[in-house]
Amino acid sequence: MQPVADNDFNRGIMRFDGADHPVLVILSGALILGGICALVTWGLANAYPAI
């Protein structure tokens, strides 16, 4: 007997119930974009310091 393969929606980080809930998607998206914006701001502030 062969094991039943997981579908693509049930692997990795999406394994827990409610992983695609809209609130979690918006929250994680905001966290990722906020981190990117913070790194870009930090990089620009260090590349072009105020005179």
Protein backbone atom coordinates (compact mmCIF):
# COMPACT_ATOMS: atom_id res chain seq x y z
CA MET A 1 0.00 0.00 0.00
CA GLN A 2 1.40 3.38 -1.02
CA PRO A 3 1.13 6.39 1.29
CA VAL A 4 -1.33 9.09 0.30
CA ALA A 5 0.48 12.20 -0.90
CA ASP A 6 -0.40 15.56 0.59
CA ASN A 7 -1.88 18.07 -1.79
CA ASP A 8 -0.04 21.33 -2.46
CA PHE A 9 -2.23 23.27 -0.05
CA ASN A 10 -1.24 21.15 2.94
CA ARG A 11 2.55 21.37 2.95
CA GLY A 12 5.15 23.36 4.83
CA ILE A 13 3.96 26.51 6.54
CA MET A 14 0.40 26.04 5.23
CA ARG A 15 -0.01 22.84 7.27
CA PHE A 16 -2.09 24.31 10.11
CA ASP A 17 -5.82 24.98 9.89
CA GLY A 18 -6.79 28.49 8.91
CA ALA A 19 -3.42 29.31 7.31
CA ASP A 20 -5.19 30.98 4.41
CA HIS A 21 -7.55 33.02 6.61
CA PRO A 22 -7.72 36.60 5.24
CA VAL A 23 -6.69 38.20 8.53
CA LEU A 24 -3.54 36.08 8.72
CA VAL A 25 -2.70 36.77 5.08
CA ILE A 26 -3.08 40.53 5.57
CA LEU A 27 -1.13 40.48 8.84
CA SER A 28 1.77 38.46 7.43
CA GLY A 29 1.83 40.58 4.27
CA ALA A 30 1.97 43.77 6.32
CA LEU A 31 4.75 42.32 8.46
CA ILE A 32 6.83 41.34 5.43
CA LEU A 33 6.29 44.67 3.62
CA GLY A 34 7.00 46.59 6.83
CA GLY A 35 10.27 44.74 7.24
CA ILE A 36 11.27 45.46 3.67
CA CYS A 37 10.41 49.16 4.07
CA ALA A 38 12.38 49.33 7.33
CA LEU A 39 15.45 47.79 5.68
CA VAL A 40 15.24 50.13 2.67
CA THR A 41 14.84 53.14 4.95
CA TRP A 42 17.77 52.02 7.11
CA GLY A 43 19.91 51.42 4.03
CA LEU A 44 19.14 54.81 2.50
CA ALA A 45 19.73 56.58 5.82
CA ASN A 46 23.16 54.96 6.11
CA ALA A 47 24.07 55.46 2.45
CA TYR A 48 23.10 59.15 2.44
CA PRO A 49 23.56 60.55 5.95
CA ALA A 50 22.35 64.07 6.66
CA ILE A 51 24.98 66.74 6.30
